[in-house]
Each structure stands twice: as C-alpha cells, then as structure tokens.
Amino acid sequence: MKKVKEMVLPPLNDDFAKGLGDFKDLLDLKNKIKEGITQEKEIASKIKWRDEILAKIAQEVDFEIPEIILKSEIERMIQHEEHAKKKEFFLEEKEELKTKFSTEAKDRAKKALCLGQIAKEKSISVFDEELAREVNKYLTNYPQDKIKEIDLDKFKEYYKERMIEEKTFQFLENFYNT
C-alpha cells in the first residue's frame, strides 16, 4: 500500500477546462462560471422581490382562507419535506409537521389566492396555442421513455397555472416599476 504524502492538483489550464465539459478553454470556463453566478443572483433577486410584493399585497387584504386550500398547502409542504429528507431520516410525525407548517401554509395560501385574484381581475390568461407550445418545448427536453408516465392533463393544468402565475408577476413588475 502506498502512502499519500501530498495532494497534487492539476494545473488550471485549457486542457483542464476542456476535461470538465464543453468548454473551449480556461477563459471560457471562467466566463461560464461568472454567467452562472450572475444568473443565480438575478433569479434569487427576482424571487425575493416577488415574495416581498406578494407579502405586501397579502398583508393589505383580510379574508378567511378556505380550509381545503389550507390543508392542501400543508400536505404539499409535508410532501416537499418528505422528499427533501431521506425517508429513513424522516423522524417528525405528520401531525407535528401539520402544526409546524400551519402558519407558513396560511401565508402561502393567502399569497396564492391574492395572485389568483389579481390574475382574474386583470384577465390574465394563457391561450391554448401558447400552452401547447410551452408544454411541447418542455417535453422535448424530457426523456422520451418517461413521458408515458406523465398524466398530460394534470401536467398541462399545472403548467398553465405556472404560466398564469408568471404573467401575473410580470404584470406586477411592470405595474410597480413604471
């Protein structure tokens, strides 16, 4: 058995960059890393702005959140938590999670209802052709053998909701930035 006495790192050069993936040279690798960081910051900033504006809107309105919507949001949060943790490490009981998530679920549900109401009042919608184009674009990047496993009607409905949500946020961005 040989002993490792010193770790030798490869030189940072064009060959190293090419070996990592589809990069022309070291400069290309550095530029792609910078672009990725910039995009992540822009996305994080956009998400933060959207959450802040929705929080302000939700704070200004007072209404009772239907119990079915609240329960649905709590279940969605529990499922997310279960997937985020490996099942064998999922120690919290479901009832504890329901209690833990109750306040956040109310907040999320209220924001979603506000966003939906804005979309409704401003007649924000998605045309069938627009939905079909976006769904097809998404599915072309999806493994063909897995497409058969998708419930296309549910997927289209989910995607339509996300598109309306995105258009509503674009409306809010234009409204608050002009």
C-alpha atoms as a PDB file:
ATOM      1  CA  MET A   1       0.000   0.000   0.000  1.00  0.00           C
ATOM      2  CA  LYS A   2       1.332   3.403  -0.955  1.00  0.00           C
ATOM      3  CA  LYS A   3       1.014   6.429   1.273  1.00  0.00           C
ATOM      4  CA  VAL A   4      -0.365   9.692   0.072  1.00  0.00           C
ATOM      5  CA  LYS A   5       2.073  12.324   1.167  1.00  0.00           C
ATOM      6  CA  GLU A   6       0.988  15.293  -0.874  1.00  0.00           C
ATOM      7  CA  MET A   7      -2.065  16.094  -2.913  1.00  0.00           C
ATOM      8  CA  VAL A   8      -1.122  17.221  -6.388  1.00  0.00           C
ATOM      9  CA  LEU A   9      -3.745  19.356  -8.084  1.00  0.00           C
ATOM     10  CA  PRO A  10      -3.891  19.529 -11.860  1.00  0.00           C
ATOM     11  CA  PRO A  11      -2.779  22.806 -13.396  1.00  0.00           C
ATOM     12  CA  LEU A  12      -5.531  25.281 -14.219  1.00  0.00           C
ATOM     13  CA  ASN A  13      -5.104  25.470 -17.963  1.00  0.00           C
ATOM     14  CA  ASP A  14      -7.054  24.976 -21.182  1.00  0.00           C
ATOM     15  CA  ASP A  15      -6.707  21.176 -21.043  1.00  0.00           C
ATOM     16  CA  PHE A  16      -8.157  21.143 -17.531  1.00  0.00           C
ATOM     17  CA  ALA A  17     -11.130  23.273 -18.664  1.00  0.00           C
ATOM     18  CA  LYS A  18     -11.782  21.076 -21.715  1.00  0.00           C
ATOM     19  CA  GLY A  19     -11.709  17.990 -19.485  1.00  0.00           C
ATOM     20  CA  LEU A  20     -14.512  19.392 -17.326  1.00  0.00           C
ATOM     21  CA  GLY A  21     -17.027  19.646 -20.119  1.00  0.00           C
ATOM     22  CA  ASP A  22     -17.956  21.583 -23.197  1.00  0.00           C
ATOM     23  CA  PHE A  23     -15.525  24.468 -22.706  1.00  0.00           C
ATOM     24  CA  LYS A  24     -13.185  25.869 -25.358  1.00  0.00           C
ATOM     25  CA  ASP A  25     -10.523  26.928 -22.904  1.00  0.00           C
ATOM     26  CA  LEU A  26      -9.933  28.154 -19.354  1.00  0.00           C
ATOM     27  CA  LEU A  27     -11.272  31.623 -20.150  1.00  0.00           C
ATOM     28  CA  ASP A  28     -14.495  30.079 -21.495  1.00  0.00           C
ATOM     29  CA  LEU A  29     -14.850  28.055 -18.261  1.00  0.00           C
ATOM     30  CA  LYS A  30     -14.351  31.177 -16.134  1.00  0.00           C
ATOM     31  CA  ASN A  31     -16.869  33.129 -18.210  1.00  0.00           C
ATOM     32  CA  LYS A  32     -19.481  30.349 -17.924  1.00  0.00           C
ATOM     33  CA  ILE A  33     -18.978  30.255 -14.149  1.00  0.00           C
ATOM     34  CA  LYS A  34     -19.428  34.047 -13.956  1.00  0.00           C
ATOM     35  CA  GLU A  35     -22.560  33.847 -16.141  1.00  0.00           C
ATOM     36  CA  GLY A  36     -23.979  31.103 -13.919  1.00  0.00           C
ATOM     37  CA  ILE A  37     -23.347  33.106 -10.757  1.00  0.00           C
ATOM     38  CA  THR A  38     -24.887  36.215 -12.326  1.00  0.00           C
ATOM     39  CA  GLN A  39     -27.977  34.257 -13.407  1.00  0.00           C
ATOM     40  CA  GLU A  40     -28.357  32.723  -9.942  1.00  0.00           C
ATOM     41  CA  LYS A  41     -28.158  36.170  -8.335  1.00  0.00           C
ATOM     42  CA  GLU A  42     -30.733  37.566 -10.779  1.00  0.00           C
ATOM     43  CA  ILE A  43     -33.095  34.663 -10.127  1.00  0.00           C
ATOM     44  CA  ALA A  44     -32.657  34.973  -6.347  1.00  0.00           C
ATOM     45  CA  SER A  45     -33.301  38.717  -6.553  1.00  0.00           C
ATOM     46  CA  LYS A  46     -36.412  38.171  -8.678  1.00  0.00           C
ATOM     47  CA  ILE A  47     -37.756  35.528  -6.278  1.00  0.00           C
ATOM     48  CA  LYS A  48     -37.099  37.810  -3.301  1.00  0.00           C
ATOM     49  CA  TRP A  49     -38.828  40.762  -4.989  1.00  0.00           C
ATOM     50  CA  ARG A  50     -41.825  38.627  -5.923  1.00  0.00           C
ATOM     51  CA  ASP A  51     -42.149  37.268  -2.396  1.00  0.00           C
ATOM     52  CA  GLU A  52     -41.899  40.773  -0.914  1.00  0.00           C
ATOM     53  CA  ILE A  53     -44.516  42.246  -3.250  1.00  0.00           C
ATOM     54  CA  LEU A  54     -46.893  39.340  -2.636  1.00  0.00           C
ATOM     55  CA  ALA A  55     -46.357  39.658   1.122  1.00  0.00           C
ATOM     56  CA  LYS A  56     -47.280  43.364   0.924  1.00  0.00           C
ATOM     57  CA  ILE A  57     -50.387  42.615  -1.111  1.00  0.00           C
ATOM     58  CA  ALA A  58     -51.438  39.761   1.181  1.00  0.00           C
ATOM     59  CA  GLN A  59     -50.879  41.965   4.227  1.00  0.00           C
ATOM     60  CA  GLU A  60     -53.311  44.555   2.876  1.00  0.00           C
ATOM     61  CA  VAL A  61     -56.203  42.143   2.436  1.00  0.00           C
ATOM     62  CA  ASP A  62     -58.087  40.272   5.111  1.00  0.00           C
ATOM     63  CA  PHE A  63     -60.084  37.198   4.237  1.00  0.00           C
ATOM     64  CA  GLU A  64     -60.675  33.706   5.538  1.00  0.00           C
ATOM     65  CA  ILE A  65     -58.629  31.048   3.774  1.00  0.00           C
ATOM     66  CA  PRO A  66     -60.786  28.044   2.870  1.00  0.00           C
ATOM     67  CA  GLU A  67     -59.853  25.024   4.992  1.00  0.00           C
ATOM     68  CA  ILE A  68     -59.449  22.802   1.907  1.00  0.00           C
ATOM     69  CA  ILE A  69     -56.838  25.171   0.452  1.00  0.00           C
ATOM     70  CA  LEU A  70     -55.006  25.351   3.771  1.00  0.00           C
ATOM     71  CA  LYS A  71     -54.990  21.550   4.156  1.00  0.00           C
ATOM     72  CA  SER A  72     -53.815  21.155   0.567  1.00  0.00           C
ATOM     73  CA  GLU A  73     -50.919  23.574   1.126  1.00  0.00           C
ATOM     74  CA  ILE A  74     -49.918  21.814   4.361  1.00  0.00           C
ATOM     75  CA  GLU A  75     -49.932  18.459   2.540  1.00  0.00           C
ATOM     76  CA  ARG A  76     -47.816  19.913  -0.274  1.00  0.00           C
ATOM     77  CA  MET A  77     -45.321  21.223   2.288  1.00  0.00           C
ATOM     78  CA  ILE A  78     -45.213  17.849   4.058  1.00  0.00           C
ATOM     79  CA  GLN A  79     -44.574  16.068   0.757  1.00  0.00           C
ATOM     80  CA  HIS A  80     -41.796  18.524  -0.013  1.00  0.00           C
ATOM     81  CA  GLU A  81     -40.280  17.889   3.418  1.00  0.00           C
ATOM     82  CA  GLU A  82     -40.501  14.115   2.921  1.00  0.00           C
ATOM     83  CA  HIS A  83     -38.735  14.354  -0.428  1.00  0.00           C
ATOM     84  CA  ALA A  84     -36.137  16.751   0.924  1.00  0.00           C
ATOM     85  CA  LYS A  85     -35.145  14.309   3.637  1.00  0.00           C
ATOM     86  CA  LYS A  86     -34.428  10.669   3.048  1.00  0.00           C
ATOM     87  CA  LYS A  87     -37.369   8.619   4.242  1.00  0.00           C
ATOM     88  CA  GLU A  88     -35.335   6.722   6.831  1.00  0.00           C
ATOM     89  CA  PHE A  89     -34.336  10.055   8.370  1.00  0.00           C
ATOM     90  CA  PHE A  90     -37.843  11.473   8.260  1.00  0.00           C
ATOM     91  CA  LEU A  91     -38.395  11.457  12.020  1.00  0.00           C
ATOM     92  CA  GLU A  92     -41.027  14.115  12.551  1.00  0.00           C
ATOM     93  CA  GLU A  93     -44.547  12.833  12.781  1.00  0.00           C
ATOM     94  CA  LYS A  94     -47.046  14.043  10.222  1.00  0.00           C
ATOM     95  CA  GLU A  95     -49.186  15.762  12.884  1.00  0.00           C
ATOM     96  CA  GLU A  96     -46.146  17.646  14.189  1.00  0.00           C
ATOM     97  CA  LEU A  97     -45.428  18.808  10.654  1.00  0.00           C
ATOM     98  CA  LYS A  98     -49.018  19.956  10.196  1.00  0.00           C
ATOM     99  CA  THR A  99     -48.673  22.131  13.280  1.00  0.00           C
ATOM    100  CA  LYS A 100     -45.220  23.325  12.253  1.00  0.00           C
ATOM    101  CA  PHE A 101     -46.344  24.248   8.735  1.00  0.00           C
ATOM    102  CA  SER A 102     -49.739  25.720   9.619  1.00  0.00           C
ATOM    103  CA  THR A 103     -48.648  29.372   9.773  1.00  0.00           C
ATOM    104  CA  GLU A 104     -46.454  29.174   6.689  1.00  0.00           C
ATOM    105  CA  ALA A 105     -49.195  27.335   4.806  1.00  0.00           C
ATOM    106  CA  LYS A 106     -51.676  30.117   5.659  1.00  0.00           C
ATOM    107  CA  ASP A 107     -49.177  32.675   4.383  1.00  0.00           C
ATOM    108  CA  ARG A 108     -48.525  30.748   1.153  1.00  0.00           C
ATOM    109  CA  ALA A 109     -52.207  30.077   0.555  1.00  0.00           C
ATOM    110  CA  LYS A 110     -53.093  33.739   1.098  1.00  0.00           C
ATOM    111  CA  LYS A 111     -50.386  34.840  -1.337  1.00  0.00           C
ATOM    112  CA  ALA A 112     -51.540  32.296  -3.923  1.00  0.00           C
ATOM    113  CA  LEU A 113     -55.160  33.429  -3.568  1.00  0.00           C
ATOM    114  CA  CYS A 114     -54.111  37.088  -3.911  1.00  0.00           C
ATOM    115  CA  LEU A 115     -52.088  36.279  -7.011  1.00  0.00           C
ATOM    116  CA  GLY A 116     -55.016  34.339  -8.459  1.00  0.00           C
ATOM    117  CA  GLN A 117     -57.402  37.209  -7.751  1.00  0.00           C
ATOM    118  CA  ILE A 118     -55.071  39.703  -9.450  1.00  0.00           C
ATOM    119  CA  ALA A 119     -54.874  37.414 -12.493  1.00  0.00           C
ATOM    120  CA  LYS A 120     -58.662  37.146 -12.546  1.00  0.00           C
ATOM    121  CA  GLU A 121     -59.273  40.891 -12.139  1.00  0.00           C
ATOM    122  CA  LYS A 122     -56.719  41.768 -14.825  1.00  0.00           C
ATOM    123  CA  SER A 123     -57.969  38.984 -17.143  1.00  0.00           C
ATOM    124  CA  ILE A 124     -54.544  37.385 -17.269  1.00  0.00           C
ATOM    125  CA  SER A 125     -54.793  34.082 -19.095  1.00  0.00           C
ATOM    126  CA  VAL A 126     -52.924  31.661 -21.297  1.00  0.00           C
ATOM    127  CA  PHE A 127     -54.026  30.835 -24.838  1.00  0.00           C
ATOM    128  CA  ASP A 128     -54.257  27.160 -25.799  1.00  0.00           C
ATOM    129  CA  GLU A 129     -51.627  27.582 -28.535  1.00  0.00           C
ATOM    130  CA  GLU A 130     -49.289  29.293 -26.076  1.00  0.00           C
ATOM    131  CA  LEU A 131     -49.741  26.483 -23.553  1.00  0.00           C
ATOM    132  CA  ALA A 132     -49.225  23.794 -26.200  1.00  0.00           C
ATOM    133  CA  ARG A 133     -46.037  25.486 -27.418  1.00  0.00           C
ATOM    134  CA  GLU A 134     -44.569  25.754 -23.900  1.00  0.00           C
ATOM    135  CA  VAL A 135     -45.573  22.212 -22.904  1.00  0.00           C
ATOM    136  CA  ASN A 136     -44.063  20.817 -26.118  1.00  0.00           C
ATOM    137  CA  LYS A 137     -40.886  22.816 -25.539  1.00  0.00           C
ATOM    138  CA  TYR A 138     -40.640  21.366 -22.030  1.00  0.00           C
ATOM    139  CA  LEU A 139     -41.394  17.815 -23.137  1.00  0.00           C
ATOM    140  CA  THR A 140     -38.749  17.862 -25.894  1.00  0.00           C
ATOM    141  CA  ASN A 141     -36.144  18.130 -23.121  1.00  0.00           C
ATOM    142  CA  TYR A 142     -37.789  15.363 -21.092  1.00  0.00           C
ATOM    143  CA  PRO A 143     -36.652  11.729 -21.522  1.00  0.00           C
ATOM    144  CA  GLN A 144     -38.970  10.136 -24.086  1.00  0.00           C
ATOM    145  CA  ASP A 145     -39.404   6.918 -22.094  1.00  0.00           C
ATOM    146  CA  LYS A 146     -40.596   8.939 -19.077  1.00  0.00           C
ATOM    147  CA  ILE A 147     -43.214  10.947 -20.997  1.00  0.00           C
ATOM    148  CA  LYS A 148     -45.546   7.927 -20.950  1.00  0.00           C
ATOM    149  CA  GLU A 149     -45.574   8.103 -17.140  1.00  0.00           C
ATOM    150  CA  ILE A 150     -46.861  11.694 -17.097  1.00  0.00           C
ATOM    151  CA  ASP A 151     -50.559  12.447 -16.678  1.00  0.00           C
ATOM    152  CA  LEU A 152     -50.602  15.012 -19.500  1.00  0.00           C
ATOM    153  CA  ASP A 153     -53.901  16.614 -18.483  1.00  0.00           C
ATOM    154  CA  LYS A 154     -52.675  17.260 -14.937  1.00  0.00           C
ATOM    155  CA  PHE A 155     -49.302  18.384 -16.252  1.00  0.00           C
ATOM    156  CA  LYS A 156     -50.915  20.841 -18.680  1.00  0.00           C
ATOM    157  CA  GLU A 157     -53.127  22.232 -15.929  1.00  0.00           C
ATOM    158  CA  TYR A 158     -50.136  22.621 -13.616  1.00  0.00           C
ATOM    159  CA  TYR A 159     -48.087  24.264 -16.383  1.00  0.00           C
ATOM    160  CA  LYS A 160     -50.985  26.582 -17.254  1.00  0.00           C
ATOM    161  CA  GLU A 161     -51.192  27.705 -13.616  1.00  0.00           C
ATOM    162  CA  ARG A 162     -47.439  28.388 -13.568  1.00  0.00           C
ATOM    163  CA  MET A 163     -47.692  30.383 -16.822  1.00  0.00           C
ATOM    164  CA  ILE A 164     -50.564  32.492 -15.457  1.00  0.00           C
ATOM    165  CA  GLU A 165     -48.577  32.997 -12.267  1.00  0.00           C
ATOM    166  CA  GLU A 166     -45.555  34.118 -14.303  1.00  0.00           C
ATOM    167  CA  LYS A 167     -47.666  36.517 -16.394  1.00  0.00           C
ATOM    168  CA  THR A 168     -49.225  37.927 -13.225  1.00  0.00           C
ATOM    169  CA  PHE A 169     -45.794  38.541 -11.733  1.00  0.00           C
ATOM    170  CA  GLN A 170     -44.750  40.239 -14.979  1.00  0.00           C
ATOM    171  CA  PHE A 171     -47.838  42.433 -14.703  1.00  0.00           C
ATOM    172  CA  LEU A 172     -46.911  43.327 -11.101  1.00  0.00           C
ATOM    173  CA  GLU A 173     -43.309  44.044 -12.085  1.00  0.00           C
ATOM    174  CA  ASN A 174     -44.479  46.393 -14.850  1.00  0.00           C
ATOM    175  CA  PHE A 175     -47.047  47.995 -12.553  1.00  0.00           C
ATOM    176  CA  TYR A 176     -44.608  48.660  -9.711  1.00  0.00           C
ATOM    177  CA  ASN A 177     -41.651  49.596 -11.902  1.00  0.00           C
ATOM    178  CA  THR A 178     -43.420  52.202 -14.034  1.00  0.00           C
END
